[in-house]
Amino acid sequence: MSNIRIVTDSAVALTPEEIQKYEITVVPLTVQIDGVVYEDGVTLQREAFLEQMAVSQNLPQTSQPSIGKFQAAYEDIRTHYPDAEILSIHLSSGLSGTVHAAEQAAALTSAEITTFDTLNADRSQAFQVLVAAKMAQSGAKMSDILTELEQVRQESHTFLSFTSLDNMVAGGRLSKASGIIGNLLNIKVGAGVDATGSVEVLAKGRGMKAIAKFNDGVIAKMQDYSEMLAIGVSHAGVPEVAEKMAQRLNAIWPEIKIEVMTTGPIISTHTGIGALAILYRAR
């Protein structure tokens, strides 16, 4: 039995089966929609969030879990597993203060806790959580898990394409004038999570052909690696598009099980409905 317990946050894209199999504790972020506060994945599921975002008067706001939420999660683990170490693996510090809240909570408990910044989100966050969880169940030491996590973090990549600039304007990432002009010109955006864990715009173009070209480039880059280890496809309200992309990727890498998932609020509030993410781990 492992002496290391894994904690993460709800920005991760894990299946219920993975969470159960590896006994992963998921601490929820909070989401505020028109003054009402929800717990991500607890009182508001991802599909329902997208529905509410589509009709909300204001852009929803996401917040990292409170220090108290983390402290409660850590203390609960300590109660049930008094001798266990805790490895708390989180959403990129370039996107959220979640990992910093975890660090502060760790200082307030007597449990032995190590925090880790994935510099990523969604399924690329999950790649790292799953490696750690599998190693923990096999009895690996904390130092060995952390060494491996640093490698997996370098191998994990996220690329996003989105079809509307409305959320970027509402979130203050783009001026209203630029957003209006962009939408009038039918501008589409391709982006990625950079080395600092922040979202970086990589390409802009007119119409869906620009999105197709961007995704073609992502897939071409994927094929340059000598070994593809894991792939995920996430989306914000376009499951058919995501399934089609997964089928395309599986035609190239048939040995990889590709999870197709709805992305969480931390990503979809950046991109808006219609976004597609290709996430992979390769070396």
Protein backbone atom coordinates (compact mmCIF):
# COMPACT_ATOMS: atom_id res chain seq x y z
CA MET A 1 0.00 0.00 0.00
CA SER A 2 1.24 3.45 -0.92
CA ASN A 3 2.30 5.85 1.79
CA ILE A 4 1.77 8.83 -0.55
CA ARG A 5 -1.67 10.32 -1.21
CA ILE A 6 -2.36 12.47 -4.27
CA VAL A 7 -4.33 15.73 -4.20
CA THR A 8 -5.19 17.90 -7.21
CA ASP A 9 -7.77 20.53 -8.17
CA SER A 10 -10.83 20.56 -10.40
CA ALA A 11 -9.06 22.19 -13.35
CA VAL A 12 -7.73 18.70 -14.08
CA ALA A 13 -9.37 16.50 -16.72
CA LEU A 14 -9.63 13.09 -15.07
CA THR A 15 -12.31 10.47 -15.63
CA PRO A 16 -14.34 9.32 -12.60
CA GLU A 17 -12.75 5.88 -13.05
CA GLU A 18 -9.24 7.34 -12.81
CA ILE A 19 -10.11 9.31 -9.69
CA GLN A 20 -11.54 6.22 -8.03
CA LYS A 21 -8.83 3.81 -9.13
CA TYR A 22 -5.97 5.96 -7.87
CA GLU A 23 -7.86 7.40 -4.87
CA ILE A 24 -7.16 10.98 -5.96
CA THR A 25 -8.54 13.84 -3.88
CA VAL A 26 -9.88 16.66 -6.09
CA VAL A 27 -10.31 20.07 -4.42
CA PRO A 28 -12.86 22.21 -6.33
CA LEU A 29 -12.25 25.68 -7.69
CA THR A 30 -15.12 28.11 -7.28
CA VAL A 31 -17.10 29.65 -10.12
CA GLN A 32 -19.21 32.80 -9.84
CA ILE A 33 -21.95 33.37 -12.42
CA ASP A 34 -24.03 36.54 -12.14
CA GLY A 35 -23.45 36.72 -8.40
CA VAL A 36 -24.07 33.04 -7.64
CA VAL A 37 -21.08 31.01 -6.41
CA TYR A 38 -20.68 27.33 -7.32
CA GLU A 39 -18.11 24.66 -6.61
CA ASP A 40 -16.65 23.39 -9.86
CA GLY A 41 -17.56 19.74 -10.39
CA VAL A 42 -19.56 19.59 -7.14
CA THR A 43 -22.54 21.96 -7.34
CA LEU A 44 -21.97 22.78 -11.02
CA GLN A 45 -20.86 20.29 -13.67
CA ARG A 46 -18.92 21.30 -16.79
CA GLU A 47 -21.75 20.94 -19.29
CA ALA A 48 -24.09 22.95 -17.06
CA PHE A 49 -21.43 25.62 -16.68
CA LEU A 50 -21.23 26.07 -20.45
CA GLU A 51 -25.01 26.40 -20.64
CA GLN A 52 -25.04 29.05 -17.94
CA MET A 53 -22.06 30.90 -19.42
CA ALA A 54 -23.90 31.17 -22.74
CA VAL A 55 -26.77 33.11 -21.15
CA SER A 56 -24.98 34.90 -18.30
CA GLN A 57 -25.07 38.69 -18.16
CA ASN A 58 -21.40 38.86 -17.21
CA LEU A 59 -18.36 36.71 -17.90
CA PRO A 60 -18.15 34.06 -15.16
CA GLN A 61 -15.29 34.40 -12.70
CA THR A 62 -13.21 31.49 -11.48
CA SER A 63 -11.29 31.48 -8.21
CA GLN A 64 -8.77 29.12 -6.70
CA PRO A 65 -9.93 26.94 -3.81
CA SER A 66 -9.74 28.70 -0.48
CA ILE A 67 -6.91 27.92 1.91
CA GLY A 68 -9.56 26.45 4.18
CA LYS A 69 -10.71 24.02 1.48
CA PHE A 70 -7.18 22.76 1.03
CA GLN A 71 -6.59 22.58 4.76
CA ALA A 72 -9.76 20.52 5.21
CA ALA A 73 -8.72 18.13 2.43
CA TYR A 74 -5.25 17.67 3.94
CA GLU A 75 -6.61 17.13 7.45
CA ASP A 76 -9.12 14.58 6.18
CA ILE A 77 -6.32 12.58 4.57
CA ARG A 78 -4.23 12.86 7.73
CA THR A 79 -7.17 11.58 9.80
CA HIS A 80 -7.61 8.49 7.64
CA TYR A 81 -3.92 7.94 6.82
CA PRO A 82 -1.91 9.36 9.75
CA ASP A 83 1.47 8.25 8.40
CA ALA A 84 0.93 9.27 4.79
CA GLU A 85 2.78 11.95 2.87
CA ILE A 86 0.69 14.16 0.60
CA LEU A 87 1.67 15.24 -2.90
CA SER A 88 -0.52 18.16 -4.02
CA ILE A 89 -0.32 18.66 -7.80
CA HIS A 90 -1.95 21.72 -9.31
CA LEU A 91 -3.09 23.93 -12.12
CA SER A 92 -0.49 26.23 -13.62
CA SER A 93 0.55 29.21 -11.53
CA GLY A 94 0.45 31.13 -14.82
CA LEU A 95 -3.33 30.68 -14.92
CA SER A 96 -4.36 30.66 -11.25
CA GLY A 97 -3.16 31.12 -7.70
CA THR A 98 -4.29 27.58 -6.83
CA VAL A 99 -0.84 26.12 -6.15
CA HIS A 100 -0.02 29.10 -3.90
CA ALA A 101 -3.21 28.53 -1.89
CA ALA A 102 -2.17 24.89 -1.53
CA GLU A 103 1.26 25.96 -0.27
CA GLN A 104 -0.27 28.28 2.32
CA ALA A 105 -2.68 25.59 3.49
CA ALA A 106 0.18 23.09 3.78
CA ALA A 107 1.95 25.44 6.19
CA LEU A 108 -1.11 25.39 8.46
CA THR A 109 -1.35 21.62 8.85
CA SER A 110 0.83 19.09 10.59
CA ALA A 111 0.73 16.72 7.64
CA GLU A 112 3.82 16.26 5.49
CA ILE A 113 2.86 17.96 2.21
CA THR A 114 4.74 18.62 -1.02
CA THR A 115 3.19 20.88 -3.67
CA PHE A 116 3.91 20.75 -7.40
CA ASP A 117 3.07 23.27 -10.13
CA THR A 118 2.17 21.45 -13.37
CA LEU A 119 2.48 24.65 -15.45
CA ASN A 120 -0.53 23.32 -17.31
CA ALA A 121 -4.22 22.45 -17.01
CA ASP A 122 -6.92 20.06 -18.17
CA ARG A 123 -5.64 16.75 -19.57
CA SER A 124 -2.02 17.94 -19.57
CA GLN A 125 -2.41 18.43 -15.83
CA ALA A 126 -3.92 14.95 -15.68
CA PHE A 127 -0.92 13.40 -17.44
CA GLN A 128 1.21 14.52 -14.51
CA VAL A 129 -1.30 13.58 -11.81
CA LEU A 130 -1.72 10.08 -13.24
CA VAL A 131 2.01 9.40 -13.44
CA ALA A 132 2.38 10.47 -9.81
CA ALA A 133 -0.62 8.41 -8.71
CA LYS A 134 0.60 5.27 -10.48
CA MET A 135 4.08 5.64 -9.00
CA ALA A 136 2.62 6.24 -5.55
CA GLN A 137 0.52 3.09 -5.74
CA SER A 138 3.59 1.12 -6.78
CA GLY A 139 5.39 2.30 -3.64
CA ALA A 140 7.75 4.89 -5.15
CA LYS A 141 9.47 7.45 -2.94
CA MET A 142 8.47 11.10 -3.03
CA SER A 143 11.86 12.15 -4.41
CA ASP A 144 11.56 9.69 -7.30
CA ILE A 145 8.02 10.83 -8.10
CA LEU A 146 9.09 14.48 -8.15
CA THR A 147 12.01 13.73 -10.45
CA GLU A 148 9.68 11.96 -12.86
CA LEU A 149 7.09 14.73 -12.62
CA GLU A 150 9.62 17.32 -13.70
CA GLN A 151 10.26 15.24 -16.82
CA VAL A 152 6.55 14.68 -17.52
CA ARG A 153 5.90 18.41 -17.10
CA GLN A 154 8.37 19.14 -19.89
CA GLU A 155 6.73 16.48 -22.08
CA SER A 156 3.15 17.80 -21.64
CA HIS A 157 1.71 20.23 -24.18
CA THR A 158 -1.59 22.04 -24.72
CA PHE A 159 -2.85 23.74 -27.88
CA LEU A 160 -6.17 25.55 -28.12
CA SER A 161 -8.25 26.88 -30.98
CA PHE A 162 -11.27 29.09 -30.47
CA THR A 163 -13.83 30.70 -32.69
CA SER A 164 -15.01 33.82 -30.83
CA LEU A 165 -13.17 36.74 -29.26
CA ASP A 166 -16.07 37.71 -26.97
CA ASN A 167 -14.65 36.09 -23.82
CA MET A 168 -11.21 37.58 -24.42
CA VAL A 169 -12.82 41.03 -24.56
CA ALA A 170 -15.02 40.42 -21.52
CA GLY A 171 -12.03 39.13 -19.57
CA GLY A 172 -9.94 42.18 -20.42
CA ARG A 173 -7.42 40.25 -22.53
CA LEU A 174 -8.43 42.14 -25.67
CA SER A 175 -9.84 45.65 -26.16
CA LYS A 176 -13.51 45.95 -27.05
CA ALA A 177 -12.66 47.69 -30.31
CA SER A 178 -10.22 44.95 -31.30
CA GLY A 179 -12.79 42.32 -30.41
CA ILE A 180 -15.52 43.93 -32.50
CA ILE A 181 -13.19 44.27 -35.48
CA GLY A 182 -11.98 40.70 -35.00
CA ASN A 183 -15.50 39.29 -34.91
CA LEU A 184 -16.55 41.35 -37.93
CA LEU A 185 -13.57 39.99 -39.83
CA ASN A 186 -14.36 36.45 -38.59
CA ILE A 187 -10.96 36.17 -36.89
CA LYS A 188 -10.15 32.81 -35.28
CA VAL A 189 -7.36 32.19 -32.77
CA GLY A 190 -4.86 29.43 -32.12
CA ALA A 191 -3.06 29.42 -28.77
CA GLY A 192 -0.88 27.29 -26.56
CA VAL A 193 0.24 27.01 -22.96
CA ASP A 194 3.81 28.29 -22.90
CA ALA A 195 6.79 27.31 -20.74
CA THR A 196 5.65 29.63 -17.95
CA GLY A 197 2.23 28.01 -17.85
CA SER A 198 0.40 30.97 -19.39
CA VAL A 199 -1.84 31.01 -22.46
CA GLU A 200 -0.04 32.49 -25.47
CA VAL A 201 -1.71 33.41 -28.77
CA LEU A 202 0.20 31.67 -31.55
CA ALA A 203 -1.90 32.30 -34.65
CA LYS A 204 -4.78 34.41 -35.93
CA GLY A 205 -6.64 34.07 -39.19
CA ARG A 206 -9.97 34.56 -40.91
CA GLY A 207 -12.58 31.83 -40.92
CA MET A 208 -12.55 28.16 -40.01
CA LYS A 209 -9.79 27.49 -42.52
CA ALA A 210 -7.44 29.30 -40.11
CA ILE A 211 -8.45 26.91 -37.31
CA ALA A 212 -7.95 23.91 -39.57
CA LYS A 213 -4.50 25.16 -40.58
CA PHE A 214 -3.53 25.72 -36.95
CA ASN A 215 -4.65 22.22 -35.92
CA ASP A 216 -2.87 20.72 -38.94
CA GLY A 217 0.31 22.39 -37.69
CA VAL A 218 -0.18 21.01 -34.19
CA ILE A 219 -0.59 17.47 -35.54
CA ALA A 220 2.45 17.86 -37.79
CA LYS A 221 4.48 18.93 -34.76
CA MET A 222 3.20 15.91 -32.83
CA GLN A 223 4.45 13.62 -35.58
CA ASP A 224 7.96 15.04 -35.23
CA TYR A 225 8.39 13.37 -31.84
CA SER A 226 9.97 9.95 -31.65
CA GLU A 227 7.48 8.70 -29.04
CA MET A 228 3.89 9.74 -28.35
CA LEU A 229 2.95 8.78 -24.79
CA ALA A 230 -0.54 10.18 -24.24
CA ILE A 231 -3.17 12.27 -26.02
CA GLY A 232 -6.31 14.04 -24.89
CA VAL A 233 -8.93 16.10 -26.69
CA SER A 234 -11.03 18.59 -24.75
CA HIS A 235 -13.74 20.95 -25.92
CA ALA A 236 -16.11 23.69 -24.83
CA GLY A 237 -19.51 22.63 -26.11
CA VAL A 238 -18.49 21.03 -29.42
CA PRO A 239 -18.42 17.27 -28.70
CA GLU A 240 -18.84 16.26 -32.35
CA VAL A 241 -15.82 18.32 -33.38
CA ALA A 242 -13.81 16.84 -30.53
CA GLU A 243 -14.77 13.27 -31.41
CA LYS A 244 -13.82 13.86 -35.02
CA MET A 245 -10.42 15.18 -33.94
CA ALA A 246 -9.90 12.20 -31.63
CA GLN A 247 -10.66 9.83 -34.51
CA ARG A 248 -8.17 11.66 -36.70
CA LEU A 249 -5.48 11.40 -34.03
CA ASN A 250 -6.27 7.74 -33.35
CA ALA A 251 -5.77 6.99 -37.03
CA ILE A 252 -2.16 8.13 -36.55
CA TRP A 253 -1.64 6.70 -33.04
CA PRO A 254 -4.08 3.75 -32.82
CA GLU A 255 -2.39 2.33 -29.71
CA ILE A 256 -3.27 5.36 -27.56
CA LYS A 257 -6.59 5.61 -25.73
CA ILE A 258 -7.70 9.20 -26.25
CA GLU A 259 -10.03 10.67 -23.64
CA VAL A 260 -12.50 13.20 -25.06
CA MET A 261 -13.69 15.52 -22.32
CA THR A 262 -15.49 18.80 -21.73
CA THR A 263 -12.98 21.36 -20.55
CA GLY A 264 -13.43 23.11 -17.22
CA PRO A 265 -14.31 26.73 -16.42
CA ILE A 266 -10.69 27.87 -16.10
CA ILE A 267 -10.15 27.19 -19.82
CA SER A 268 -13.61 27.87 -21.24
CA THR A 269 -13.84 31.32 -19.64
CA HIS A 270 -10.68 32.21 -21.60
CA THR A 271 -11.87 30.76 -24.89
CA GLY A 272 -15.66 30.80 -24.91
CA ILE A 273 -17.94 28.14 -26.32
CA GLY A 274 -16.64 26.41 -29.45
CA ALA A 275 -13.06 25.91 -28.30
CA LEU A 276 -11.08 22.75 -28.99
CA ALA A 277 -7.92 21.63 -27.22
CA ILE A 278 -5.35 19.07 -28.33
CA LEU A 279 -3.24 17.95 -25.41
CA TYR A 280 -0.41 15.46 -25.56
CA ARG A 281 2.63 14.08 -23.84
CA ALA A 282 5.58 13.18 -26.07
CA ARG A 283 9.32 12.85 -26.14
